[in-house]
Each structure stands twice: as structure tokens, then as C-alpha cells.
Amino acid sequence: MYPNQGMFRTVRWLWVTSTEWCPGLCLDLSPDSLYLVPPPEPTRSQLDAALKSAVGRLRREDQDLEQTTERVVAARLMIYLDSELGRLPNPAGFRLDMEYERAGHDPKAFAGRGPGGHFRRKIVPDLIYHRRLDDDGLYANHLAIEVKTRPTSREGHDLAKLALLTGRVQYAFVSFRPNLLRRPNPEDPVMPPPDRHVVVLPPTIRPYTFGAFLRLHLDDAFVEWV
């Protein structure tokens, strides 16, 4: 179990935008960055049941959408998932949105650095369950979802995106041709190497409590929690 899948969340890391590396990431020990409080409801088990119920309804009532685009399927899934989430405890006031690309009032983007300097990498998850325009709350971001309707070579990219959004990894490697993210392997450095293009979750974006990768082309075990 990852630290922020249970009672406690992982500590935050800060991206250093000065010319010094530090060596690129620094542990943030400020009081509001150590998430030593239980995450809010809904719990992961409740979210898992809601996702499976919503996908079940999608498969029963919208089989004719299977051969359409991923965006069309995700939009229909959102309708059913919103209904399922509406039955769960939600004291934090989370809302479900599709392709929401804001972090508070700013565009949502990973912070990047490489041999050529700093850059930003836009983030647009398929679905998120969050508090809109809240860039201060410890748990403003609760669930990020990526949807795949058929097998694809880009699975690793989406899993890396979710791993960064949830704080499961501290950085991801970036390639530009093709345009992909990759999670570090066990043999890769703990800190991002200065001679590679990497991205991190900036301190302006609160990590998501949970990440879910949906392989809708599978009959069983189609939810992978990140």
C-alpha cells in the first residue's frame, strides 16, 4: 500500500526553478505540506464500487458506443459515474469533471526541466473528482481517471501521468518524438538526472488522493489503481 492510499499521504516535493538544482527536487517540510491527516471520503473501496457500477451500466445501455471514440465513451461514462458518486458521502464537496485543465485559476501543467532549460507540460486527465478552483486545500484533488477503450502502446504514458498526479513517483521522463511520459525504473536515480528531460508535479498542484486507470476493453479486472 502506498502511503497516501491509507491513513497518511506522502510528503510533498518542491520543484526548484532557480539555476541551482538542489539537485532539482527538495523535500518540503512546511507544516501544510506534511499530509499527516486521513484523506476524506469517499474511500478507495467506495470509489472502486462506483466505477465498476458505472462501467456496468455503460456496457448494458450503450453497447453501440464501443466502436466510437474514447472521448465519446468517457463522456457517457461520466454521466453514470456522476450518478454513482452522488450516492456516496461527500463532505468535501467534490465534483466530477471531464478534461478539466485548470489547477485553481491557472492552467494545469507539470513543471519540466532538461538540458535546454525549463518547460511546462499540459495535463488534461480524462475525468477528475475534485473541488473546483481550490488551490489551497490539502485534499482539493481526490480522484484522477484515465480511460482506454482499446489496447494501446500509450498505456505507460497514462500510467506515468497518474503516478505523478498522485505523488506515487517524484518525477517522470519525457520524450518529445513521440510525445510520451515514462515512469522511472527501479534502476533509475531517485532524483531526476540533470542531463535528461523530466517533469514533476509543481507545488501549485495538490496531489490526487487516488488514481484509476480503466481498460474498458477488458471484461474483468479493468480497474488498475495507481
Protein backbone atom coordinates (compact mmCIF):
# COMPACT_ATOMS: atom_id res chain seq x y z
CA MET A 1 0.00 0.00 0.00
CA TYR A 2 1.29 3.44 -0.85
CA PRO A 3 1.39 5.97 2.00
CA ASN A 4 -1.43 8.09 0.63
CA GLN A 5 -3.73 5.18 -0.10
CA GLY A 6 -4.38 4.65 3.58
CA MET A 7 -4.33 6.92 6.60
CA PHE A 8 -1.44 9.11 5.58
CA ARG A 9 -0.37 10.90 2.45
CA THR A 10 3.10 11.13 1.07
CA VAL A 11 5.14 14.24 1.74
CA ARG A 12 5.37 16.92 -0.93
CA TRP A 13 8.37 17.66 -3.11
CA LEU A 14 9.16 21.10 -4.44
CA TRP A 15 10.43 21.86 -7.92
CA VAL A 16 13.30 24.30 -7.81
CA THR A 17 13.09 26.82 -10.65
CA SER A 18 16.32 28.64 -9.91
CA THR A 19 19.53 27.95 -11.80
CA GLU A 20 20.67 25.64 -8.99
CA TRP A 21 19.46 22.04 -8.98
CA CYS A 22 19.22 21.35 -5.26
CA PRO A 23 19.54 18.86 -7.21
CA GLY A 24 16.11 19.58 -8.73
CA LEU A 25 13.69 18.46 -6.09
CA CYS A 26 13.63 19.35 -2.41
CA LEU A 27 11.60 17.86 0.37
CA ASP A 28 9.01 20.38 1.52
CA LEU A 29 8.81 20.26 5.32
CA SER A 30 6.46 23.21 5.75
CA PRO A 31 3.50 22.44 8.06
CA ASP A 32 0.89 22.41 5.29
CA SER A 33 2.93 20.03 3.13
CA LEU A 34 3.11 17.07 5.51
CA TYR A 35 -0.23 15.40 4.95
CA LEU A 36 -0.49 13.59 8.25
CA VAL A 37 -4.28 13.59 8.27
CA PRO A 38 -6.74 10.98 6.99
CA PRO A 39 -7.93 11.57 3.41
CA PRO A 40 -11.61 12.50 3.07
CA GLU A 41 -14.40 10.26 1.91
CA PRO A 42 -15.28 8.62 -0.43
CA THR A 43 -12.78 5.85 0.31
CA ARG A 44 -10.99 3.89 -2.39
CA SER A 45 -13.27 0.89 -1.91
CA GLN A 46 -16.32 3.14 -2.34
CA LEU A 47 -14.83 4.71 -5.46
CA ASP A 48 -13.95 1.28 -6.84
CA ALA A 49 -17.56 0.10 -6.41
CA ALA A 50 -18.86 3.30 -8.02
CA LEU A 51 -16.54 2.91 -11.04
CA LYS A 52 -17.50 -0.73 -11.56
CA SER A 53 -21.21 0.05 -11.28
CA ALA A 54 -20.91 2.93 -13.76
CA VAL A 55 -18.96 0.81 -16.25
CA GLY A 56 -21.51 -1.98 -15.88
CA ARG A 57 -24.31 0.40 -16.76
CA LEU A 58 -22.30 1.76 -19.70
CA ARG A 59 -21.88 -1.75 -21.07
CA ARG A 60 -25.55 -2.62 -20.63
CA GLU A 61 -27.09 0.55 -22.02
CA ASP A 62 -24.53 1.87 -24.52
CA GLN A 63 -23.00 -1.08 -26.34
CA ASP A 64 -23.37 0.83 -29.60
CA LEU A 65 -20.73 3.31 -28.38
CA GLU A 66 -17.98 0.69 -28.21
CA GLN A 67 -16.67 1.49 -31.68
CA THR A 68 -16.76 5.26 -31.28
CA THR A 69 -14.03 7.49 -29.92
CA GLU A 70 -12.56 7.33 -26.43
CA ARG A 71 -13.86 10.84 -25.73
CA VAL A 72 -17.45 9.84 -26.54
CA VAL A 73 -17.23 6.79 -24.26
CA ALA A 74 -15.65 8.81 -21.43
CA ALA A 75 -18.39 11.43 -21.70
CA ARG A 76 -21.10 8.81 -21.38
CA LEU A 77 -19.26 7.10 -18.53
CA MET A 78 -19.12 10.43 -16.72
CA ILE A 79 -22.94 10.60 -16.67
CA TYR A 80 -23.24 7.20 -15.00
CA LEU A 81 -20.29 7.75 -12.67
CA ASP A 82 -21.65 11.10 -11.53
CA SER A 83 -24.88 9.34 -10.56
CA GLU A 84 -22.98 6.66 -8.61
CA LEU A 85 -20.78 9.20 -6.83
CA GLY A 86 -23.88 11.17 -5.87
CA ARG A 87 -24.87 8.27 -3.59
CA LEU A 88 -21.60 8.40 -1.62
CA PRO A 89 -20.64 10.56 1.37
CA ASN A 90 -19.02 13.73 0.07
CA PRO A 91 -18.34 16.13 2.95
CA ALA A 92 -15.57 17.89 0.98
CA GLY A 93 -17.94 18.87 -1.85
CA PHE A 94 -16.09 17.15 -4.71
CA ARG A 95 -17.39 17.49 -8.28
CA LEU A 96 -16.81 15.24 -11.30
CA ASP A 97 -15.43 16.94 -14.43
CA MET A 98 -14.16 15.79 -17.82
CA GLU A 99 -10.90 17.04 -19.36
CA TYR A 100 -10.66 19.78 -16.74
CA GLU A 101 -7.40 21.63 -17.41
CA ARG A 102 -7.24 24.15 -14.57
CA ALA A 103 -5.25 24.00 -11.32
CA GLY A 104 -7.09 26.53 -9.20
CA HIS A 105 -7.24 29.53 -11.51
CA ASP A 106 -4.16 28.57 -13.56
CA PRO A 107 -3.63 26.11 -16.43
CA LYS A 108 -2.83 22.61 -15.17
CA ALA A 109 0.69 21.59 -16.17
CA PHE A 110 3.66 19.58 -14.99
CA ALA A 111 6.87 21.51 -14.39
CA GLY A 112 9.67 20.34 -16.65
CA ARG A 113 13.40 20.73 -16.86
CA GLY A 114 16.07 19.40 -19.19
CA PRO A 115 19.31 20.25 -20.94
CA GLY A 116 17.55 23.08 -22.79
CA GLY A 117 16.08 24.72 -19.69
CA HIS A 118 12.61 24.87 -18.14
CA PHE A 119 9.32 23.99 -19.84
CA ARG A 120 5.71 23.15 -18.97
CA ARG A 121 3.78 20.03 -19.91
CA LYS A 122 -0.01 20.47 -20.07
CA ILE A 123 -2.11 17.95 -18.12
CA VAL A 124 -5.66 17.02 -19.12
CA PRO A 125 -6.89 13.88 -17.30
CA ASP A 126 -9.96 12.22 -18.82
CA LEU A 127 -12.02 12.60 -15.62
CA ILE A 128 -11.29 14.13 -12.22
CA TYR A 129 -13.21 14.24 -8.95
CA HIS A 130 -12.16 17.40 -7.16
CA ARG A 131 -13.04 20.79 -5.74
CA ARG A 132 -13.09 23.37 -8.49
CA LEU A 133 -10.88 26.46 -8.24
CA ASP A 134 -9.43 25.28 -4.93
CA ASP A 135 -5.64 25.63 -4.97
CA ASP A 136 -5.21 25.78 -1.17
CA GLY A 137 -6.98 22.74 0.28
CA LEU A 138 -4.83 19.74 1.22
CA TYR A 139 -7.31 17.40 -0.44
CA ALA A 140 -8.76 19.55 -3.19
CA ASN A 141 -7.96 16.75 -5.67
CA HIS A 142 -9.42 13.35 -4.82
CA LEU A 143 -9.53 11.10 -7.91
CA ALA A 144 -7.95 11.25 -11.39
CA ILE A 145 -9.15 8.80 -14.05
CA GLU A 146 -7.67 7.78 -17.40
CA VAL A 147 -9.84 5.79 -19.80
CA LYS A 148 -8.75 3.43 -22.57
CA THR A 149 -11.32 1.75 -24.80
CA ARG A 150 -8.87 -0.48 -26.70
CA PRO A 151 -5.28 -1.74 -26.31
CA THR A 152 -2.68 0.93 -26.98
CA SER A 153 1.05 1.47 -26.73
CA ARG A 154 0.34 4.67 -24.76
CA GLU A 155 -0.71 2.87 -21.58
CA GLY A 156 2.65 3.60 -20.00
CA HIS A 157 2.19 7.31 -20.71
CA ASP A 158 -1.18 7.46 -18.94
CA LEU A 159 0.08 5.39 -16.00
CA ALA A 160 3.06 7.74 -15.64
CA LYS A 161 0.69 10.72 -15.68
CA LEU A 162 -1.43 9.20 -12.91
CA ALA A 163 1.65 8.24 -10.90
CA LEU A 164 2.83 11.86 -11.00
CA LEU A 165 -0.59 13.30 -10.25
CA THR A 166 -0.94 11.09 -7.16
CA GLY A 167 2.64 11.52 -5.93
CA ARG A 168 3.44 7.81 -6.38
CA VAL A 169 6.58 8.85 -8.26
CA GLN A 170 8.57 12.04 -7.80
CA TYR A 171 9.32 12.60 -11.50
CA ALA A 172 8.79 11.13 -14.96
CA PHE A 173 10.98 11.09 -18.04
CA VAL A 174 9.75 12.99 -21.10
CA SER A 175 10.18 12.16 -24.76
CA PHE A 176 9.00 14.53 -27.47
CA ARG A 177 9.02 12.30 -30.55
CA PRO A 178 6.76 10.53 -29.76
CA ASN A 179 5.20 12.75 -27.11
CA LEU A 180 5.25 10.42 -24.08
CA LEU A 181 5.93 10.23 -20.35
CA ARG A 182 7.69 7.30 -18.69
CA ARG A 183 7.87 6.36 -15.03
CA PRO A 184 11.36 5.82 -13.60
CA ASN A 185 12.52 2.21 -13.43
CA PRO A 186 13.97 0.80 -10.18
CA GLU A 187 17.49 1.28 -11.53
CA ASP A 188 16.90 4.96 -12.37
CA PRO A 189 18.14 7.68 -9.97
CA VAL A 190 15.94 8.71 -7.05
CA MET A 191 16.48 12.33 -8.05
CA PRO A 192 15.87 13.41 -11.65
CA PRO A 193 19.11 13.41 -13.64
CA PRO A 194 20.10 16.88 -14.90
CA ASP A 195 21.00 15.59 -18.38
CA ARG A 196 17.51 14.21 -19.10
CA HIS A 197 14.17 15.84 -19.80
CA VAL A 198 11.91 15.25 -16.80
CA VAL A 199 8.68 16.61 -15.33
CA VAL A 200 7.41 16.84 -11.76
CA LEU A 201 4.17 17.83 -10.09
CA PRO A 202 4.61 21.51 -9.18
CA PRO A 203 3.81 22.69 -5.63
CA THR A 204 0.86 24.68 -7.00
CA ILE A 205 -1.00 21.40 -7.72
CA ARG A 206 -2.13 19.30 -4.78
CA PRO A 207 -1.61 15.57 -5.39
CA TYR A 208 -4.68 13.48 -6.06
CA THR A 209 -5.55 11.01 -3.33
CA PHE A 210 -6.27 8.24 -5.85
CA GLY A 211 -5.65 7.45 -9.50
CA ALA A 212 -7.64 4.93 -11.57
CA PHE A 213 -6.69 3.55 -14.98
CA LEU A 214 -9.67 1.99 -16.79
CA ARG A 215 -9.11 -0.59 -19.54
CA LEU A 216 -12.66 -0.80 -20.83
CA HIS A 217 -11.68 -3.34 -23.49
CA LEU A 218 -11.20 -5.93 -20.71
CA ASP A 219 -14.14 -7.86 -19.31
CA ASP A 220 -12.72 -8.34 -15.82
CA ALA A 221 -10.09 -6.56 -13.72
CA PHE A 222 -10.44 -3.45 -15.84
CA VAL A 223 -9.65 -1.01 -12.98
CA GLU A 224 -5.99 -0.52 -12.06
CA TRP A 225 -5.40 1.71 -9.04
CA VAL A 226 -2.25 3.80 -9.22
